[in-house]
Amino acid sequence: MQSCPVPVVIAGGPKQKSVEGVLKMIYDSIQAGGAGISIGRNTFQHENPTLMTRALSALVHKGATVEEGLLILRGVR
């Protein structure tokens, strides 16, 4: 982005009330030009950290939507 000369990475912050909220926060950040994420507790405290990591990776690296991320978490994709 022209307005910021360095990459902006979103930090996870407090534990979110829903997985959909986490995915939406990340999706919105990437859509706004964010370069990546640094998510801890919302990944490690998820019931399936492996699937959560896959969903987050898809949002950041593959342009997945929130709905696609939720499908990954359900093991559908």
PDB file of N, CA and C in Angstrom:
ATOM      1  N   MET A   1       0.834  -1.169   0.000  1.00  0.00           N
ATOM      2  CA  MET A   1       0.000   0.000   0.000  1.00  0.00           C
ATOM      3  C   MET A   1       0.884   1.240   0.000  1.00  0.00           C
ATOM      4  N   GLN A   2       0.443   2.247  -0.669  1.00  0.00           N
ATOM      5  CA  GLN A   2       1.216   3.476  -0.778  1.00  0.00           C
ATOM      6  C   GLN A   2       1.236   4.278   0.518  1.00  0.00           C
ATOM      7  N   SER A   3       0.221   4.163   1.342  1.00  0.00           N
ATOM      8  CA  SER A   3       0.145   4.977   2.548  1.00  0.00           C
ATOM      9  C   SER A   3       0.990   4.454   3.699  1.00  0.00           C
ATOM     10  N   CYS A   4       1.477   3.240   3.610  1.00  0.00           N
ATOM     11  CA  CYS A   4       2.291   2.657   4.675  1.00  0.00           C
ATOM     12  C   CYS A   4       3.474   1.930   4.038  1.00  0.00           C
ATOM     13  N   PRO A   5       4.700   2.384   4.321  1.00  0.00           N
ATOM     14  CA  PRO A   5       5.869   1.803   3.655  1.00  0.00           C
ATOM     15  C   PRO A   5       6.308   0.437   4.198  1.00  0.00           C
ATOM     16  N   VAL A   6       5.694  -0.034   5.262  1.00  0.00           N
ATOM     17  CA  VAL A   6       6.069  -1.335   5.823  1.00  0.00           C
ATOM     18  C   VAL A   6       4.850  -2.261   5.847  1.00  0.00           C
ATOM     19  N   PRO A   7       5.071  -3.559   5.776  1.00  0.00           N
ATOM     20  CA  PRO A   7       3.940  -4.502   5.838  1.00  0.00           C
ATOM     21  C   PRO A   7       3.229  -4.419   7.191  1.00  0.00           C
ATOM     22  N   VAL A   8       1.923  -4.480   7.180  1.00  0.00           N
ATOM     23  CA  VAL A   8       1.128  -4.469   8.408  1.00  0.00           C
ATOM     24  C   VAL A   8       0.616  -5.880   8.651  1.00  0.00           C
ATOM     25  N   VAL A   9       0.853  -6.371   9.872  1.00  0.00           N
ATOM     26  CA  VAL A   9       0.434  -7.709  10.271  1.00  0.00           C
ATOM     27  C   VAL A   9      -0.557  -7.557  11.416  1.00  0.00           C
ATOM     28  N   ILE A  10      -1.684  -8.230  11.326  1.00  0.00           N
ATOM     29  CA  ILE A  10      -2.687  -8.141  12.381  1.00  0.00           C
ATOM     30  C   ILE A  10      -2.336  -9.110  13.512  1.00  0.00           C
ATOM     31  N   ALA A  11      -2.441  -8.610  14.745  1.00  0.00           N
ATOM     32  CA  ALA A  11      -2.242  -9.456  15.919  1.00  0.00           C
ATOM     33  C   ALA A  11      -3.607  -9.969  16.366  1.00  0.00           C
ATOM     34  N   GLY A  12      -3.642 -11.163  16.911  1.00  0.00           N
ATOM     35  CA  GLY A  12      -4.900 -11.807  17.246  1.00  0.00           C
ATOM     36  C   GLY A  12      -5.705 -11.164  18.351  1.00  0.00           C
ATOM     37  N   GLY A  13      -5.044 -10.587  19.339  1.00  0.00           N
ATOM     38  CA  GLY A  13      -5.776  -9.961  20.430  1.00  0.00           C
ATOM     39  C   GLY A  13      -6.435 -10.974  21.346  1.00  0.00           C
ATOM     40  N   PRO A  14      -7.484 -10.553  22.056  1.00  0.00           N
ATOM     41  CA  PRO A  14      -8.140 -11.455  23.012  1.00  0.00           C
ATOM     42  C   PRO A  14      -8.889 -12.587  22.317  1.00  0.00           C
ATOM     43  N   LYS A  15      -9.183 -13.632  23.091  1.00  0.00           N
ATOM     44  CA  LYS A  15      -9.933 -14.753  22.538  1.00  0.00           C
ATOM     45  C   LYS A  15     -11.277 -14.253  22.034  1.00  0.00           C
ATOM     46  N   GLN A  16     -11.583 -14.599  20.794  1.00  0.00           N
ATOM     47  CA  GLN A  16     -12.823 -14.173  20.166  1.00  0.00           C
ATOM     48  C   GLN A  16     -13.984 -15.064  20.624  1.00  0.00           C
ATOM     49  N   LYS A  17     -15.199 -14.529  20.529  1.00  0.00           N
ATOM     50  CA  LYS A  17     -16.393 -15.276  20.941  1.00  0.00           C
ATOM     51  C   LYS A  17     -16.744 -16.384  19.967  1.00  0.00           C
ATOM     52  N   SER A  18     -16.340 -16.224  18.703  1.00  0.00           N
ATOM     53  CA  SER A  18     -16.663 -17.250  17.712  1.00  0.00           C
ATOM     54  C   SER A  18     -15.524 -17.392  16.717  1.00  0.00           C
ATOM     55  N   VAL A  19     -15.437 -18.573  16.139  1.00  0.00           N
ATOM     56  CA  VAL A  19     -14.447 -18.828  15.099  1.00  0.00           C
ATOM     57  C   VAL A  19     -14.741 -17.940  13.894  1.00  0.00           C
ATOM     58  N   GLU A  20     -16.013 -17.778  13.594  1.00  0.00           N
ATOM     59  CA  GLU A  20     -16.386 -16.922  12.467  1.00  0.00           C
ATOM     60  C   GLU A  20     -15.886 -15.495  12.679  1.00  0.00           C
ATOM     61  N   GLY A  21     -15.921 -15.020  13.927  1.00  0.00           N
ATOM     62  CA  GLY A  21     -15.406 -13.691  14.239  1.00  0.00           C
ATOM     63  C   GLY A  21     -13.916 -13.572  13.974  1.00  0.00           C
ATOM     64  N   VAL A  22     -13.165 -14.617  14.318  1.00  0.00           N
ATOM     65  CA  VAL A  22     -11.724 -14.636  14.054  1.00  0.00           C
ATOM     66  C   VAL A  22     -11.471 -14.582  12.551  1.00  0.00           C
ATOM     67  N   LEU A  23     -12.151 -15.439  11.821  1.00  0.00           N
ATOM     68  CA  LEU A  23     -11.949 -15.496  10.369  1.00  0.00           C
ATOM     69  C   LEU A  23     -12.347 -14.181   9.705  1.00  0.00           C
ATOM     70  N   LYS A  24     -13.428 -13.579  10.168  1.00  0.00           N
ATOM     71  CA  LYS A  24     -13.871 -12.308   9.588  1.00  0.00           C
ATOM     72  C   LYS A  24     -12.859 -11.198   9.849  1.00  0.00           C
ATOM     73  N   MET A  25     -12.318 -11.147  11.058  1.00  0.00           N
ATOM     74  CA  MET A  25     -11.307 -10.151  11.398  1.00  0.00           C
ATOM     75  C   MET A  25     -10.102 -10.280  10.464  1.00  0.00           C
ATOM     76  N   ILE A  26      -9.666 -11.509  10.239  1.00  0.00           N
ATOM     77  CA  ILE A  26      -8.507 -11.743   9.386  1.00  0.00           C
ATOM     78  C   ILE A  26      -8.840 -11.448   7.926  1.00  0.00           C
ATOM     79  N   TYR A  27      -9.985 -11.916   7.482  1.00  0.00           N
ATOM     80  CA  TYR A  27     -10.401 -11.662   6.101  1.00  0.00           C
ATOM     81  C   TYR A  27     -10.457 -10.160   5.829  1.00  0.00           C
ATOM     82  N   ASP A  28     -11.081  -9.418   6.734  1.00  0.00           N
ATOM     83  CA  ASP A  28     -11.194  -7.963   6.556  1.00  0.00           C
ATOM     84  C   ASP A  28      -9.826  -7.295   6.523  1.00  0.00           C
ATOM     85  N   SER A  29      -8.914  -7.753   7.366  1.00  0.00           N
ATOM     86  CA  SER A  29      -7.569  -7.191   7.388  1.00  0.00           C
ATOM     87  C   SER A  29      -6.839  -7.423   6.068  1.00  0.00           C
ATOM     88  N   ILE A  30      -6.919  -8.641   5.559  1.00  0.00           N
ATOM     89  CA  ILE A  30      -6.254  -8.967   4.292  1.00  0.00           C
ATOM     90  C   ILE A  30      -6.871  -8.171   3.147  1.00  0.00           C
ATOM     91  N   GLN A  31      -8.206  -8.052   3.149  1.00  0.00           N
ATOM     92  CA  GLN A  31      -8.884  -7.287   2.104  1.00  0.00           C
ATOM     93  C   GLN A  31      -8.491  -5.817   2.141  1.00  0.00           C
ATOM     94  N   ALA A  32      -8.155  -5.319   3.333  1.00  0.00           N
ATOM     95  CA  ALA A  32      -7.766  -3.917   3.488  1.00  0.00           C
ATOM     96  C   ALA A  32      -6.289  -3.687   3.180  1.00  0.00           C
ATOM     97  N   GLY A  33      -5.573  -4.756   2.839  1.00  0.00           N
ATOM     98  CA  GLY A  33      -4.167  -4.610   2.475  1.00  0.00           C
ATOM     99  C   GLY A  33      -3.178  -5.143   3.491  1.00  0.00           C
ATOM    100  N   GLY A  34      -3.670  -5.804   4.534  1.00  0.00           N
ATOM    101  CA  GLY A  34      -2.780  -6.402   5.527  1.00  0.00           C
ATOM    102  C   GLY A  34      -1.867  -7.433   4.886  1.00  0.00           C
ATOM    103  N   ALA A  35      -0.659  -7.540   5.423  1.00  0.00           N
ATOM    104  CA  ALA A  35       0.338  -8.444   4.848  1.00  0.00           C
ATOM    105  C   ALA A  35       0.304  -9.837   5.455  1.00  0.00           C
ATOM    106  N   GLY A  36      -0.305  -9.975   6.620  1.00  0.00           N
ATOM    107  CA  GLY A  36      -0.306 -11.281   7.263  1.00  0.00           C
ATOM    108  C   GLY A  36      -0.931 -11.215   8.633  1.00  0.00           C
ATOM    109  N   ILE A  37      -0.703 -12.272   9.421  1.00  0.00           N
ATOM    110  CA  ILE A  37      -1.302 -12.372  10.750  1.00  0.00           C
ATOM    111  C   ILE A  37      -0.292 -12.900  11.752  1.00  0.00           C
ATOM    112  N   SER A  38      -0.561 -12.626  13.007  1.00  0.00           N
ATOM    113  CA  SER A  38       0.179 -13.197  14.130  1.00  0.00           C
ATOM    114  C   SER A  38      -0.880 -13.604  15.151  1.00  0.00           C
ATOM    115  N   ILE A  39      -1.393 -14.793  15.005  1.00  0.00           N
ATOM    116  CA  ILE A  39      -2.509 -15.262  15.820  1.00  0.00           C
ATOM    117  C   ILE A  39      -2.025 -16.366  16.749  1.00  0.00           C
ATOM    118  N   GLY A  40      -2.262 -16.206  18.033  1.00  0.00           N
ATOM    119  CA  GLY A  40      -1.835 -17.201  19.008  1.00  0.00           C
ATOM    120  C   GLY A  40      -3.000 -17.944  19.599  1.00  0.00           C
ATOM    121  N   ARG A  41      -3.593 -17.379  20.674  1.00  0.00           N
ATOM    122  CA  ARG A  41      -4.615 -18.089  21.448  1.00  0.00           C
ATOM    123  C   ARG A  41      -5.809 -18.535  20.619  1.00  0.00           C
ATOM    124  N   ASN A  42      -6.198 -17.760  19.615  1.00  0.00           N
ATOM    125  CA  ASN A  42      -7.345 -18.149  18.803  1.00  0.00           C
ATOM    126  C   ASN A  42      -7.033 -19.337  17.895  1.00  0.00           C
ATOM    127  N   THR A  43      -5.758 -19.674  17.772  1.00  0.00           N
ATOM    128  CA  THR A  43      -5.353 -20.885  17.056  1.00  0.00           C
ATOM    129  C   THR A  43      -5.123 -22.021  18.046  1.00  0.00           C
ATOM    130  N   PHE A  44      -4.268 -21.785  19.034  1.00  0.00           N
ATOM    131  CA  PHE A  44      -3.859 -22.847  19.948  1.00  0.00           C
ATOM    132  C   PHE A  44      -4.967 -23.300  20.884  1.00  0.00           C
ATOM    133  N   GLN A  45      -5.937 -22.431  21.162  1.00  0.00           N
ATOM    134  CA  GLN A  45      -7.033 -22.815  22.037  1.00  0.00           C
ATOM    135  C   GLN A  45      -8.245 -23.343  21.261  1.00  0.00           C
ATOM    136  N   HIS A  46      -8.129 -23.397  19.951  1.00  0.00           N
ATOM    137  CA  HIS A  46      -9.212 -23.956  19.137  1.00  0.00           C
ATOM    138  C   HIS A  46      -9.248 -25.467  19.343  1.00  0.00           C
ATOM    139  N   GLU A  47     -10.428 -26.061  19.223  1.00  0.00           N
ATOM    140  CA  GLU A  47     -10.561 -27.511  19.429  1.00  0.00           C
ATOM    141  C   GLU A  47      -9.720 -28.325  18.446  1.00  0.00           C
ATOM    142  N   ASN A  48      -9.412 -27.769  17.281  1.00  0.00           N
ATOM    143  CA  ASN A  48      -8.565 -28.443  16.302  1.00  0.00           C
ATOM    144  C   ASN A  48      -7.583 -27.423  15.720  1.00  0.00           C
ATOM    145  N   PRO A  49      -6.453 -27.196  16.410  1.00  0.00           N
ATOM    146  CA  PRO A  49      -5.482 -26.192  15.962  1.00  0.00           C
ATOM    147  C   PRO A  49      -4.948 -26.438  14.545  1.00  0.00           C
ATOM    148  N   THR A  50      -4.875 -27.687  14.135  1.00  0.00           N
ATOM    149  CA  THR A  50      -4.381 -27.997  12.793  1.00  0.00           C
ATOM    150  C   THR A  50      -5.327 -27.458  11.727  1.00  0.00           C
ATOM    151  N   LEU A  51      -6.622 -27.735  11.884  1.00  0.00           N
ATOM    152  CA  LEU A  51      -7.593 -27.234  10.912  1.00  0.00           C
ATOM    153  C   LEU A  51      -7.689 -25.707  10.971  1.00  0.00           C
ATOM    154  N   MET A  52      -7.566 -25.148  12.178  1.00  0.00           N
ATOM    155  CA  MET A  52      -7.605 -23.690  12.308  1.00  0.00           C
ATOM    156  C   MET A  52      -6.430 -23.073  11.561  1.00  0.00           C
ATOM    157  N   THR A  53      -5.262 -23.666  11.676  1.00  0.00           N
ATOM    158  CA  THR A  53      -4.083 -23.173  10.962  1.00  0.00           C
ATOM    159  C   THR A  53      -4.298 -23.255   9.457  1.00  0.00           C
ATOM    160  N   ARG A  54      -4.884 -24.353   8.991  1.00  0.00           N
ATOM    161  CA  ARG A  54      -5.174 -24.488   7.557  1.00  0.00           C
ATOM    162  C   ARG A  54      -6.152 -23.418   7.083  1.00  0.00           C
ATOM    163  N   ALA A  55      -7.184 -23.157   7.885  1.00  0.00           N
ATOM    164  CA  ALA A  55      -8.169 -22.143   7.515  1.00  0.00           C
ATOM    165  C   ALA A  55      -7.534 -20.756   7.469  1.00  0.00           C
ATOM    166  N   LEU A  56      -6.732 -20.428   8.477  1.00  0.00           N
ATOM    167  CA  LEU A  56      -6.070 -19.126   8.510  1.00  0.00           C
ATOM    168  C   LEU A  56      -5.108 -18.974   7.335  1.00  0.00           C
ATOM    169  N   SER A  57      -4.373 -20.017   7.047  1.00  0.00           N
ATOM    170  CA  SER A  57      -3.444 -19.996   5.920  1.00  0.00           C
ATOM    171  C   SER A  57      -4.176 -19.772   4.609  1.00  0.00           C
ATOM    172  N   ALA A  58      -5.316 -20.416   4.446  1.00  0.00           N
ATOM    173  CA  ALA A  58      -6.104 -20.248   3.218  1.00  0.00           C
ATOM    174  C   ALA A  58      -6.573 -18.803   3.065  1.00  0.00           C
ATOM    175  N   LEU A  59      -6.985 -18.169   4.157  1.00  0.00           N
ATOM    176  CA  LEU A  59      -7.418 -16.775   4.090  1.00  0.00           C
ATOM    177  C   LEU A  59      -6.264 -15.864   3.678  1.00  0.00           C
ATOM    178  N   VAL A  60      -5.113 -16.073   4.290  1.00  0.00           N
ATOM    179  CA  VAL A  60      -3.970 -15.186   4.042  1.00  0.00           C
ATOM    180  C   VAL A  60      -3.298 -15.463   2.705  1.00  0.00           C
ATOM    181  N   HIS A  61      -3.066 -16.735   2.389  1.00  0.00           N
ATOM    182  CA  HIS A  61      -2.237 -17.076   1.227  1.00  0.00           C
ATOM    183  C   HIS A  61      -3.009 -17.453  -0.036  1.00  0.00           C
ATOM    184  N   LYS A  62      -4.276 -17.857   0.114  1.00  0.00           N
ATOM    185  CA  LYS A  62      -5.030 -18.313  -1.053  1.00  0.00           C
ATOM    186  C   LYS A  62      -6.249 -17.448  -1.349  1.00  0.00           C
ATOM    187  N   GLY A  63      -6.460 -16.399  -0.547  1.00  0.00           N
ATOM    188  CA  GLY A  63      -7.596 -15.518  -0.789  1.00  0.00           C
ATOM    189  C   GLY A  63      -8.942 -16.140  -0.469  1.00  0.00           C
ATOM    190  N   ALA A  64      -8.952 -17.112   0.432  1.00  0.00           N
ATOM    191  CA  ALA A  64     -10.207 -17.778   0.791  1.00  0.00           C
ATOM    192  C   ALA A  64     -11.148 -16.805   1.497  1.00  0.00           C
ATOM    193  N   THR A  65     -12.427 -17.086   1.405  1.00  0.00           N
ATOM    194  CA  THR A  65     -13.439 -16.296   2.089  1.00  0.00           C
ATOM    195  C   THR A  65     -13.670 -16.864   3.495  1.00  0.00           C
ATOM    196  N   VAL A  66     -14.433 -16.141   4.293  1.00  0.00           N
ATOM    197  CA  VAL A  66     -14.794 -16.633   5.624  1.00  0.00           C
ATOM    198  C   VAL A  66     -15.543 -17.949   5.498  1.00  0.00           C
ATOM    199  N   GLU A  67     -16.458 -18.022   4.555  1.00  0.00           N
ATOM    200  CA  GLU A  67     -17.242 -19.254   4.369  1.00  0.00           C
ATOM    201  C   GLU A  67     -16.348 -20.429   3.996  1.00  0.00           C
ATOM    202  N   GLU A  68     -15.368 -20.190   3.141  1.00  0.00           N
ATOM    203  CA  GLU A  68     -14.424 -21.261   2.767  1.00  0.00           C
ATOM    204  C   GLU A  68     -13.586 -21.672   3.972  1.00  0.00           C
ATOM    205  N   GLY A  69     -13.201 -20.711   4.794  1.00  0.00           N
ATOM    206  CA  GLY A  69     -12.460 -21.021   6.017  1.00  0.00           C
ATOM    207  C   GLY A  69     -13.274 -21.893   6.955  1.00  0.00           C
ATOM    208  N   LEU A  70     -14.559 -21.594   7.076  1.00  0.00           N
ATOM    209  CA  LEU A  70     -15.433 -22.411   7.927  1.00  0.00           C
ATOM    210  C   LEU A  70     -15.569 -23.832   7.389  1.00  0.00           C
ATOM    211  N   LEU A  71     -15.601 -23.979   6.067  1.00  0.00           N
ATOM    212  CA  LEU A  71     -15.643 -25.326   5.477  1.00  0.00           C
ATOM    213  C   LEU A  71     -14.376 -26.109   5.792  1.00  0.00           C
ATOM    214  N   ILE A  72     -13.244 -25.430   5.750  1.00  0.00           N
ATOM    215  CA  ILE A  72     -11.975 -26.088   6.101  1.00  0.00           C
ATOM    216  C   ILE A  72     -12.034 -26.566   7.549  1.00  0.00           C
ATOM    217  N   LEU A  73     -12.546 -25.721   8.440  1.00  0.00           N
ATOM    218  CA  LEU A  73     -12.645 -26.098   9.859  1.00  0.00           C
ATOM    219  C   LEU A  73     -13.579 -27.280  10.091  1.00  0.00           C
ATOM    220  N   ARG A  74     -14.556 -27.428   9.230  1.00  0.00           N
ATOM    221  CA  ARG A  74     -15.489 -28.577   9.344  1.00  0.00           C
ATOM    222  C   ARG A  74     -14.927 -29.819   8.672  1.00  0.00           C
ATOM    223  N   GLY A  75     -13.754 -29.695   8.050  1.00  0.00           N
ATOM    224  CA  GLY A  75     -13.148 -30.836   7.380  1.00  0.00           C
ATOM    225  C   GLY A  75     -13.745 -31.118   6.029  1.00  0.00           C
ATOM    226  N   VAL A  76     -14.519 -30.166   5.491  1.00  0.00           N
ATOM    227  CA  VAL A  76     -15.178 -30.368   4.209  1.00  0.00           C
ATOM    228  C   VAL A  76     -14.235 -30.075   3.048  1.00  0.00           C
ATOM    229  N   ARG A  77     -13.293 -29.186   3.254  1.00  0.00           N
ATOM    230  CA  ARG A  77     -12.348 -28.806   2.186  1.00  0.00           C
ATOM    231  C   ARG A  77     -10.946 -29.127   2.596  1.00  0.00           C
TER     232      ARG A  77
END
